[in-house]
Amino acid sequence: TIDAQNTNTSLRLSYKVINETQSDYLGGFLAYSAGYWVYEGL
């Protein structure tokens, strides 16, 4: 079932958007906590 979801283009894109968005802002907060500046020109 999970494999079918991973190979389904629309479902995979949906999960990808969610995971990428979370990694963007939490990865940014991680960088912030390490002393870096927000990269405004992303």
ModelCIF file with pLDDT and N, C-alpha, C, O atoms, coordinates in Angstrom:
data_MODEL
#
_entry.id   MODEL 
#
_entity.id                         1 
_entity.type                       polymer 
_entity.pdbx_number_of_molecules   1 
#
_entity_poly.entity_id                      1 
_entity_poly.type                           'polypeptide(L)' 
_entity_poly.nstd_linkage                   no 
_entity_poly.nstd_monomer                   no 
_entity_poly.pdbx_seq_one_letter_code       TIDAQNTNTSLRLSYKVINETQSDYLGGFLAYSAGYWVYEGL 
_entity_poly.pdbx_seq_one_letter_code_can   TIDAQNTNTSLRLSYKVINETQSDYLGGFLAYSAGYWVYEGL 
_entity_poly.pdbx_strand_id                 A 
#
loop_
_entity_poly_seq.entity_id 
_entity_poly_seq.num 
_entity_poly_seq.mon_id 
_entity_poly_seq.hetero 
1 1  THR n 
1 2  ILE n 
1 3  ASP n 
1 4  ALA n 
1 5  GLN n 
1 6  ASN n 
1 7  THR n 
1 8  ASN n 
1 9  THR n 
1 10 SER n 
1 11 LEU n 
1 12 ARG n 
1 13 LEU n 
1 14 SER n 
1 15 TYR n 
1 16 LYS n 
1 17 VAL n 
1 18 ILE n 
1 19 ASN n 
1 20 GLU n 
1 21 THR n 
1 22 GLN n 
1 23 SER n 
1 24 ASP n 
1 25 TYR n 
1 26 LEU n 
1 27 GLY n 
1 28 GLY n 
1 29 PHE n 
1 30 LEU n 
1 31 ALA n 
1 32 TYR n 
1 33 SER n 
1 34 ALA n 
1 35 GLY n 
1 36 TYR n 
1 37 TRP n 
1 38 VAL n 
1 39 TYR n 
1 40 GLU n 
1 41 GLY n 
1 42 LEU n 
#
_struct_asym.id          A 
_struct_asym.entity_id   1 
#
loop_
_ma_qa_metric.id 
_ma_qa_metric.mode 
_ma_qa_metric.name 
_ma_qa_metric.software_group_id 
_ma_qa_metric.type 
1 global pLDDT . pLDDT 
2 local  pLDDT . pLDDT 
#
_ma_qa_metric_global.metric_id      1 
_ma_qa_metric_global.metric_value   68.88 
_ma_qa_metric_global.model_id       1 
_ma_qa_metric_global.ordinal_id     1 
#
loop_
_ma_qa_metric_local.label_asym_id 
_ma_qa_metric_local.label_comp_id 
_ma_qa_metric_local.label_seq_id 
_ma_qa_metric_local.metric_id 
_ma_qa_metric_local.metric_value 
_ma_qa_metric_local.model_id 
_ma_qa_metric_local.ordinal_id 
A THR 1  2 56.00 1 1  
A ILE 2  2 49.00 1 2  
A ASP 3  2 50.00 1 3  
A ALA 4  2 52.00 1 4  
A GLN 5  2 51.00 1 5  
A ASN 6  2 52.00 1 6  
A THR 7  2 52.00 1 7  
A ASN 8  2 48.00 1 8  
A THR 9  2 47.00 1 9  
A SER 10 2 51.00 1 10 
A LEU 11 2 47.00 1 11 
A ARG 12 2 50.00 1 12 
A LEU 13 2 48.00 1 13 
A SER 14 2 60.00 1 14 
A TYR 15 2 59.00 1 15 
A LYS 16 2 67.00 1 16 
A VAL 17 2 67.00 1 17 
A ILE 18 2 73.00 1 18 
A ASN 19 2 75.00 1 19 
A GLU 20 2 76.00 1 20 
A THR 21 2 75.00 1 21 
A GLN 22 2 78.00 1 22 
A SER 23 2 80.00 1 23 
A ASP 24 2 80.00 1 24 
A TYR 25 2 80.00 1 25 
A LEU 26 2 84.00 1 26 
A GLY 27 2 85.00 1 27 
A GLY 28 2 84.00 1 28 
A PHE 29 2 85.00 1 29 
A LEU 30 2 88.00 1 30 
A ALA 31 2 87.00 1 31 
A TYR 32 2 85.00 1 32 
A SER 33 2 84.00 1 33 
A ALA 34 2 87.00 1 34 
A GLY 35 2 85.00 1 35 
A TYR 36 2 86.00 1 36 
A TRP 37 2 82.00 1 37 
A VAL 38 2 70.00 1 38 
A TYR 39 2 65.00 1 39 
A GLU 40 2 71.00 1 40 
A GLY 41 2 71.00 1 41 
A LEU 42 2 71.00 1 42 
#
loop_
_atom_site.group_PDB 
_atom_site.id 
_atom_site.type_symbol 
_atom_site.label_atom_id 
_atom_site.label_alt_id 
_atom_site.label_comp_id 
_atom_site.label_asym_id 
_atom_site.label_entity_id 
_atom_site.label_seq_id 
_atom_site.pdbx_PDB_ins_code 
_atom_site.Cartn_x 
_atom_site.Cartn_y 
_atom_site.Cartn_z 
_atom_site.occupancy 
_atom_site.B_iso_or_equiv 
_atom_site.pdbx_formal_charge 
_atom_site.auth_seq_id 
_atom_site.auth_comp_id 
_atom_site.auth_asym_id 
_atom_site.auth_atom_id 
_atom_site.pdbx_PDB_model_num 
ATOM 1   N N  . THR A 1 1  ? 0.825  -1.205 0.000  1.00 56.00 ? 1  THR A N  1 
ATOM 2   C CA . THR A 1 1  ? 0.000  0.000  0.000  1.00 56.00 ? 1  THR A CA 1 
ATOM 3   C C  . THR A 1 1  ? 0.862  1.258  0.000  1.00 56.00 ? 1  THR A C  1 
ATOM 4   O O  . THR A 1 1  ? 0.622  2.192  -0.766 1.00 56.00 ? 1  THR A O  1 
ATOM 5   N N  . ILE A 1 2  ? 1.874  1.267  0.877  1.00 49.00 ? 2  ILE A N  1 
ATOM 6   C CA . ILE A 1 2  ? 2.764  2.426  0.945  1.00 49.00 ? 2  ILE A CA 1 
ATOM 7   C C  . ILE A 1 2  ? 3.550  2.563  -0.348 1.00 49.00 ? 2  ILE A C  1 
ATOM 8   O O  . ILE A 1 2  ? 3.771  3.675  -0.830 1.00 49.00 ? 2  ILE A O  1 
ATOM 9   N N  . ASP A 1 3  ? 3.974  1.436  -0.912 1.00 50.00 ? 3  ASP A N  1 
ATOM 10  C CA . ASP A 1 3  ? 4.720  1.479  -2.163 1.00 50.00 ? 3  ASP A CA 1 
ATOM 11  C C  . ASP A 1 3  ? 3.851  2.028  -3.296 1.00 50.00 ? 3  ASP A C  1 
ATOM 12  O O  . ASP A 1 3  ? 4.330  2.774  -4.150 1.00 50.00 ? 3  ASP A O  1 
ATOM 13  N N  . ALA A 1 4  ? 2.582  1.656  -3.295 1.00 52.00 ? 4  ALA A N  1 
ATOM 14  C CA . ALA A 1 4  ? 1.666  2.163  -4.314 1.00 52.00 ? 4  ALA A CA 1 
ATOM 15  C C  . ALA A 1 4  ? 1.499  3.670  -4.196 1.00 52.00 ? 4  ALA A C  1 
ATOM 16  O O  . ALA A 1 4  ? 1.404  4.379  -5.198 1.00 52.00 ? 4  ALA A O  1 
ATOM 17  N N  . GLN A 1 5  ? 1.465  4.146  -2.959 1.00 51.00 ? 5  GLN A N  1 
ATOM 18  C CA . GLN A 1 5  ? 1.365  5.588  -2.739 1.00 51.00 ? 5  GLN A CA 1 
ATOM 19  C C  . GLN A 1 5  ? 2.627  6.297  -3.224 1.00 51.00 ? 5  GLN A C  1 
ATOM 20  O O  . GLN A 1 5  ? 2.559  7.390  -3.786 1.00 51.00 ? 5  GLN A O  1 
ATOM 21  N N  . ASN A 1 6  ? 3.777  5.664  -3.001 1.00 52.00 ? 6  ASN A N  1 
ATOM 22  C CA . ASN A 1 6  ? 5.041  6.273  -3.418 1.00 52.00 ? 6  ASN A CA 1 
ATOM 23  C C  . ASN A 1 6  ? 5.164  6.349  -4.936 1.00 52.00 ? 6  ASN A C  1 
ATOM 24  O O  . ASN A 1 6  ? 5.802  7.255  -5.472 1.00 52.00 ? 6  ASN A O  1 
ATOM 25  N N  . THR A 1 7  ? 4.543  5.380  -5.631 1.00 52.00 ? 7  THR A N  1 
ATOM 26  C CA . THR A 1 7  ? 4.643  5.360  -7.093 1.00 52.00 ? 7  THR A CA 1 
ATOM 27  C C  . THR A 1 7  ? 3.513  6.125  -7.761 1.00 52.00 ? 7  THR A C  1 
ATOM 28  O O  . THR A 1 7  ? 3.548  6.359  -8.969 1.00 52.00 ? 7  THR A O  1 
ATOM 29  N N  . ASN A 1 8  ? 2.508  6.518  -6.979 1.00 48.00 ? 8  ASN A N  1 
ATOM 30  C CA . ASN A 1 8  ? 1.418  7.335  -7.512 1.00 48.00 ? 8  ASN A CA 1 
ATOM 31  C C  . ASN A 1 8  ? 1.913  8.766  -7.647 1.00 48.00 ? 8  ASN A C  1 
ATOM 32  O O  . ASN A 1 8  ? 2.269  9.396  -6.651 1.00 48.00 ? 8  ASN A O  1 
ATOM 33  N N  . THR A 1 9  ? 1.939  9.287  -8.874 1.00 47.00 ? 9  THR A N  1 
ATOM 34  C CA . THR A 1 9  ? 2.553  10.587 -9.130 1.00 47.00 ? 9  THR A CA 1 
ATOM 35  C C  . THR A 1 9  ? 1.914  11.700 -8.317 1.00 47.00 ? 9  THR A C  1 
ATOM 36  O O  . THR A 1 9  ? 2.627  12.511 -7.725 1.00 47.00 ? 9  THR A O  1 
ATOM 37  N N  . SER A 1 10 ? 0.584  11.760 -8.271 1.00 51.00 ? 10 SER A N  1 
ATOM 38  C CA . SER A 1 10 ? -0.094 12.845 -7.560 1.00 51.00 ? 10 SER A CA 1 
ATOM 39  C C  . SER A 1 10 ? 0.115  12.746 -6.059 1.00 51.00 ? 10 SER A C  1 
ATOM 40  O O  . SER A 1 10 ? 0.344  13.756 -5.392 1.00 51.00 ? 10 SER A O  1 
ATOM 41  N N  . LEU A 1 11 ? 0.036  11.509 -5.513 1.00 47.00 ? 11 LEU A N  1 
ATOM 42  C CA . LEU A 1 11 ? 0.257  11.338 -4.078 1.00 47.00 ? 11 LEU A CA 1 
ATOM 43  C C  . LEU A 1 11 ? 1.704  11.648 -3.709 1.00 47.00 ? 11 LEU A C  1 
ATOM 44  O O  . LEU A 1 11 ? 1.975  12.291 -2.695 1.00 47.00 ? 11 LEU A O  1 
ATOM 45  N N  . ARG A 1 12 ? 2.627  11.180 -4.546 1.00 50.00 ? 12 ARG A N  1 
ATOM 46  C CA . ARG A 1 12 ? 4.046  11.413 -4.266 1.00 50.00 ? 12 ARG A CA 1 
ATOM 47  C C  . ARG A 1 12 ? 4.354  12.902 -4.268 1.00 50.00 ? 12 ARG A C  1 
ATOM 48  O O  . ARG A 1 12 ? 5.108  13.389 -3.426 1.00 50.00 ? 12 ARG A O  1 
ATOM 49  N N  . LEU A 1 13 ? 3.771  13.618 -5.210 1.00 48.00 ? 13 LEU A N  1 
ATOM 50  C CA . LEU A 1 13 ? 3.985  15.057 -5.274 1.00 48.00 ? 13 LEU A CA 1 
ATOM 51  C C  . LEU A 1 13 ? 3.416  15.744 -4.046 1.00 48.00 ? 13 LEU A C  1 
ATOM 52  O O  . LEU A 1 13 ? 4.015  16.683 -3.521 1.00 48.00 ? 13 LEU A O  1 
ATOM 53  N N  . SER A 1 14 ? 2.258  15.279 -3.584 1.00 60.00 ? 14 SER A N  1 
ATOM 54  C CA . SER A 1 14 ? 1.633  15.862 -2.395 1.00 60.00 ? 14 SER A CA 1 
ATOM 55  C C  . SER A 1 14 ? 2.517  15.677 -1.163 1.00 60.00 ? 14 SER A C  1 
ATOM 56  O O  . SER A 1 14 ? 2.754  16.622 -0.410 1.00 60.00 ? 14 SER A O  1 
ATOM 57  N N  . TYR A 1 15 ? 3.010  14.424 -0.963 1.00 59.00 ? 15 TYR A N  1 
ATOM 58  C CA . TYR A 1 15 ? 3.891  14.161 0.167  1.00 59.00 ? 15 TYR A CA 1 
ATOM 59  C C  . TYR A 1 15 ? 5.183  14.962 0.050  1.00 59.00 ? 15 TYR A C  1 
ATOM 60  O O  . TYR A 1 15 ? 5.708  15.481 1.035  1.00 59.00 ? 15 TYR A O  1 
ATOM 61  N N  . LYS A 1 16 ? 5.679  15.046 -1.184 1.00 67.00 ? 16 LYS A N  1 
ATOM 62  C CA . LYS A 1 16 ? 6.940  15.754 -1.414 1.00 67.00 ? 16 LYS A CA 1 
ATOM 63  C C  . LYS A 1 16 ? 6.828  17.221 -1.032 1.00 67.00 ? 16 LYS A C  1 
ATOM 64  O O  . LYS A 1 16 ? 7.722  17.776 -0.393 1.00 67.00 ? 16 LYS A O  1 
ATOM 65  N N  . VAL A 1 17 ? 5.722  17.847 -1.429 1.00 67.00 ? 17 VAL A N  1 
ATOM 66  C CA . VAL A 1 17 ? 5.515  19.257 -1.107 1.00 67.00 ? 17 VAL A CA 1 
ATOM 67  C C  . VAL A 1 17 ? 5.486  19.462 0.409  1.00 67.00 ? 17 VAL A C  1 
ATOM 68  O O  . VAL A 1 17 ? 6.093  20.399 0.927  1.00 67.00 ? 17 VAL A O  1 
ATOM 69  N N  . ILE A 1 18 ? 4.774  18.575 1.113  1.00 73.00 ? 18 ILE A N  1 
ATOM 70  C CA . ILE A 1 18 ? 4.681  18.677 2.574  1.00 73.00 ? 18 ILE A CA 1 
ATOM 71  C C  . ILE A 1 18 ? 6.062  18.536 3.209  1.00 73.00 ? 18 ILE A C  1 
ATOM 72  O O  . ILE A 1 18 ? 6.450  19.350 4.048  1.00 73.00 ? 18 ILE A O  1 
ATOM 73  N N  . ASN A 1 19 ? 6.797  17.511 2.812  1.00 75.00 ? 19 ASN A N  1 
ATOM 74  C CA . ASN A 1 19 ? 8.104  17.257 3.410  1.00 75.00 ? 19 ASN A CA 1 
ATOM 75  C C  . ASN A 1 19 ? 9.121  18.338 3.064  1.00 75.00 ? 19 ASN A C  1 
ATOM 76  O O  . ASN A 1 19 ? 9.936  18.731 3.898  1.00 75.00 ? 19 ASN A O  1 
ATOM 77  N N  . GLU A 1 20 ? 9.060  18.812 1.822  1.00 76.00 ? 20 GLU A N  1 
ATOM 78  C CA . GLU A 1 20 ? 10.000 19.849 1.411  1.00 76.00 ? 20 GLU A CA 1 
ATOM 79  C C  . GLU A 1 20 ? 9.721  21.157 2.136  1.00 76.00 ? 20 GLU A C  1 
ATOM 80  O O  . GLU A 1 20 ? 10.649 21.860 2.536  1.00 76.00 ? 20 GLU A O  1 
ATOM 81  N N  . THR A 1 21 ? 8.440  21.484 2.304  1.00 75.00 ? 21 THR A N  1 
ATOM 82  C CA . THR A 1 21 ? 8.085  22.722 3.012  1.00 75.00 ? 21 THR A CA 1 
ATOM 83  C C  . THR A 1 21 ? 8.541  22.659 4.465  1.00 75.00 ? 21 THR A C  1 
ATOM 84  O O  . THR A 1 21 ? 9.091  23.624 4.996  1.00 75.00 ? 21 THR A O  1 
ATOM 85  N N  . GLN A 1 22 ? 8.306  21.508 5.106  1.00 78.00 ? 22 GLN A N  1 
ATOM 86  C CA . GLN A 1 22 ? 8.741  21.351 6.498  1.00 78.00 ? 22 GLN A CA 1 
ATOM 87  C C  . GLN A 1 22 ? 10.263 21.440 6.606  1.00 78.00 ? 22 GLN A C  1 
ATOM 88  O O  . GLN A 1 22 ? 10.790 22.069 7.523  1.00 78.00 ? 22 GLN A O  1 
ATOM 89  N N  . SER A 1 23 ? 10.960 20.812 5.671  1.00 80.00 ? 23 SER A N  1 
ATOM 90  C CA . SER A 1 23 ? 12.424 20.853 5.705  1.00 80.00 ? 23 SER A CA 1 
ATOM 91  C C  . SER A 1 23 ? 12.953 22.249 5.434  1.00 80.00 ? 23 SER A C  1 
ATOM 92  O O  . SER A 1 23 ? 14.015 22.625 5.930  1.00 80.00 ? 23 SER A O  1 
ATOM 93  N N  . ASP A 1 24 ? 12.207 23.022 4.640  1.00 80.00 ? 24 ASP A N  1 
ATOM 94  C CA . ASP A 1 24 ? 12.619 24.397 4.382  1.00 80.00 ? 24 ASP A CA 1 
ATOM 95  C C  . ASP A 1 24 ? 12.646 25.221 5.660  1.00 80.00 ? 24 ASP A C  1 
ATOM 96  O O  . ASP A 1 24 ? 13.680 25.778 6.029  1.00 80.00 ? 24 ASP A O  1 
ATOM 97  N N  . TYR A 1 25 ? 11.496 25.294 6.338  1.00 80.00 ? 25 TYR A N  1 
ATOM 98  C CA . TYR A 1 25 ? 11.447 26.235 7.459  1.00 80.00 ? 25 TYR A CA 1 
ATOM 99  C C  . TYR A 1 25 ? 12.090 25.677 8.722  1.00 80.00 ? 25 TYR A C  1 
ATOM 100 O O  . TYR A 1 25 ? 12.660 26.442 9.501  1.00 80.00 ? 25 TYR A O  1 
ATOM 101 N N  . LEU A 1 26 ? 12.016 24.356 8.951  1.00 84.00 ? 26 LEU A N  1 
ATOM 102 C CA . LEU A 1 26 ? 12.700 23.807 10.116 1.00 84.00 ? 26 LEU A CA 1 
ATOM 103 C C  . LEU A 1 26 ? 14.204 23.747 9.874  1.00 84.00 ? 26 LEU A C  1 
ATOM 104 O O  . LEU A 1 26 ? 14.991 23.930 10.804 1.00 84.00 ? 26 LEU A O  1 
ATOM 105 N N  . GLY A 1 27 ? 14.605 23.491 8.639  1.00 85.00 ? 27 GLY A N  1 
ATOM 106 C CA . GLY A 1 27 ? 16.026 23.552 8.307  1.00 85.00 ? 27 GLY A CA 1 
ATOM 107 C C  . GLY A 1 27 ? 16.549 24.961 8.455  1.00 85.00 ? 27 GLY A C  1 
ATOM 108 O O  . GLY A 1 27 ? 17.688 25.167 8.875  1.00 85.00 ? 27 GLY A O  1 
ATOM 109 N N  . GLY A 1 28 ? 15.713 25.941 8.109  1.00 84.00 ? 28 GLY A N  1 
ATOM 110 C CA . GLY A 1 28 ? 16.087 27.335 8.306  1.00 84.00 ? 28 GLY A CA 1 
ATOM 111 C C  . GLY A 1 28 ? 16.225 27.682 9.773  1.00 84.00 ? 28 GLY A C  1 
ATOM 112 O O  . GLY A 1 28 ? 17.130 28.424 10.155 1.00 84.00 ? 28 GLY A O  1 
ATOM 113 N N  . PHE A 1 29 ? 15.325 27.147 10.611 1.00 85.00 ? 29 PHE A N  1 
ATOM 114 C CA . PHE A 1 29 ? 15.414 27.416 12.044 1.00 85.00 ? 29 PHE A CA 1 
ATOM 115 C C  . PHE A 1 29 ? 16.650 26.747 12.638 1.00 85.00 ? 29 PHE A C  1 
ATOM 116 O O  . PHE A 1 29 ? 17.283 27.289 13.544 1.00 85.00 ? 29 PHE A O  1 
ATOM 117 N N  . LEU A 1 30 ? 16.985 25.577 12.124 1.00 88.00 ? 30 LEU A N  1 
ATOM 118 C CA . LEU A 1 30 ? 18.210 24.909 12.568 1.00 88.00 ? 30 LEU A CA 1 
ATOM 119 C C  . LEU A 1 30 ? 19.422 25.779 12.234 1.00 88.00 ? 30 LEU A C  1 
ATOM 120 O O  . LEU A 1 30 ? 20.316 25.951 13.063 1.00 88.00 ? 30 LEU A O  1 
ATOM 121 N N  . ALA A 1 31 ? 19.447 26.325 11.020 1.00 87.00 ? 31 ALA A N  1 
ATOM 122 C CA . ALA A 1 31 ? 20.551 27.209 10.643 1.00 87.00 ? 31 ALA A CA 1 
ATOM 123 C C  . ALA A 1 31 ? 20.579 28.445 11.528 1.00 87.00 ? 31 ALA A C  1 
ATOM 124 O O  . ALA A 1 31 ? 21.649 28.902 11.930 1.00 87.00 ? 31 ALA A O  1 
ATOM 125 N N  . TYR A 1 32 ? 19.407 28.983 11.832 1.00 85.00 ? 32 TYR A N  1 
ATOM 126 C CA . TYR A 1 32 ? 19.289 30.143 12.729 1.00 85.00 ? 32 TYR A CA 1 
ATOM 127 C C  . TYR A 1 32 ? 19.878 29.821 14.096 1.00 85.00 ? 32 TYR A C  1 
ATOM 128 O O  . TYR A 1 32 ? 20.606 30.631 14.670 1.00 85.00 ? 32 TYR A O  1 
ATOM 129 N N  . SER A 1 33 ? 19.564 28.641 14.614 1.00 84.00 ? 33 SER A N  1 
ATOM 130 C CA . SER A 1 33 ? 20.058 28.272 15.942 1.00 84.00 ? 33 SER A CA 1 
ATOM 131 C C  . SER A 1 33 ? 21.566 28.043 15.937 1.00 84.00 ? 33 SER A C  1 
ATOM 132 O O  . SER A 1 33 ? 22.201 28.062 16.991 1.00 84.00 ? 33 SER A O  1 
ATOM 133 N N  . ALA A 1 34 ? 22.145 27.825 14.743 1.00 87.00 ? 34 ALA A N  1 
ATOM 134 C CA . ALA A 1 34 ? 23.588 27.639 14.631 1.00 87.00 ? 34 ALA A CA 1 
ATOM 135 C C  . ALA A 1 34 ? 24.313 28.950 14.363 1.00 87.00 ? 34 ALA A C  1 
ATOM 136 O O  . ALA A 1 34 ? 25.541 28.971 14.275 1.00 87.00 ? 34 ALA A O  1 
ATOM 137 N N  . GLY A 1 35 ? 23.562 30.053 14.231 1.00 85.00 ? 35 GLY A N  1 
ATOM 138 C CA . GLY A 1 35 ? 24.181 31.358 14.092 1.00 85.00 ? 35 GLY A CA 1 
ATOM 139 C C  . GLY A 1 35 ? 24.231 31.924 12.695 1.00 85.00 ? 35 GLY A C  1 
ATOM 140 O O  . GLY A 1 35 ? 24.959 32.886 12.450 1.00 85.00 ? 35 GLY A O  1 
ATOM 141 N N  . TYR A 1 36 ? 23.477 31.357 11.765 1.00 86.00 ? 36 TYR A N  1 
ATOM 142 C CA . TYR A 1 36 ? 23.464 31.875 10.400 1.00 86.00 ? 36 TYR A CA 1 
ATOM 143 C C  . TYR A 1 36 ? 22.275 32.816 10.193 1.00 86.00 ? 36 TYR A C  1 
ATOM 144 O O  . TYR A 1 36 ? 21.356 32.874 11.010 1.00 86.00 ? 36 TYR A O  1 
ATOM 145 N N  . TRP A 1 37 ? 22.320 33.546 9.083  1.00 82.00 ? 37 TRP A N  1 
ATOM 146 C CA . TRP A 1 37 ? 21.274 34.518 8.772  1.00 82.00 ? 37 TRP A CA 1 
ATOM 147 C C  . TRP A 1 37 ? 20.290 33.923 7.773  1.00 82.00 ? 37 TRP A C  1 
ATOM 148 O O  . TRP A 1 37 ? 20.653 33.083 6.950  1.00 82.00 ? 37 TRP A O  1 
ATOM 149 N N  . VAL A 1 38 ? 19.053 34.365 7.855  1.00 70.00 ? 38 VAL A N  1 
ATOM 150 C CA . VAL A 1 38 ? 18.047 33.915 6.901  1.00 70.00 ? 38 VAL A CA 1 
ATOM 151 C C  . VAL A 1 38 ? 18.457 34.348 5.499  1.00 70.00 ? 38 VAL A C  1 
ATOM 152 O O  . VAL A 1 38 ? 18.820 35.503 5.278  1.00 70.00 ? 38 VAL A O  1 
ATOM 153 N N  . TYR A 1 39 ? 18.397 33.418 4.560  1.00 65.00 ? 39 TYR A N  1 
ATOM 154 C CA . TYR A 1 39 ? 18.735 33.740 3.186  1.00 65.00 ? 39 TYR A CA 1 
ATOM 155 C C  . TYR A 1 39 ? 17.471 34.224 2.479  1.00 65.00 ? 39 TYR A C  1 
ATOM 156 O O  . TYR A 1 39 ? 16.608 33.428 2.109  1.00 65.00 ? 39 TYR A O  1 
ATOM 157 N N  . GLU A 1 40 ? 17.376 35.536 2.300  1.00 71.00 ? 40 GLU A N  1 
ATOM 158 C CA . GLU A 1 40 ? 16.168 36.137 1.750  1.00 71.00 ? 40 GLU A CA 1 
ATOM 159 C C  . GLU A 1 40 ? 16.004 35.882 0.254  1.00 71.00 ? 40 GLU A C  1 
ATOM 160 O O  . GLU A 1 40 ? 14.885 35.953 -0.254 1.00 71.00 ? 40 GLU A O  1 
ATOM 161 N N  . GLY A 1 41 ? 17.079 35.589 -0.457 1.00 71.00 ? 41 GLY A N  1 
ATOM 162 C CA . GLY A 1 41 ? 16.999 35.462 -1.911 1.00 71.00 ? 41 GLY A CA 1 
ATOM 163 C C  . GLY A 1 41 ? 16.725 34.063 -2.405 1.00 71.00 ? 41 GLY A C  1 
ATOM 164 O O  . GLY A 1 41 ? 17.037 33.736 -3.550 1.00 71.00 ? 41 GLY A O  1 
ATOM 165 N N  . LEU A 1 42 ? 16.147 33.230 -1.557 1.00 71.00 ? 42 LEU A N  1 
ATOM 166 C CA . LEU A 1 42 ? 15.921 31.838 -1.918 1.00 71.00 ? 42 LEU A CA 1 
ATOM 167 C C  . LEU A 1 42 ? 15.129 31.642 -3.206 1.00 71.00 ? 42 LEU A C  1 
ATOM 168 O O  . LEU A 1 42 ? 14.878 30.507 -3.611 1.00 71.00 ? 42 LEU A O  1 
#
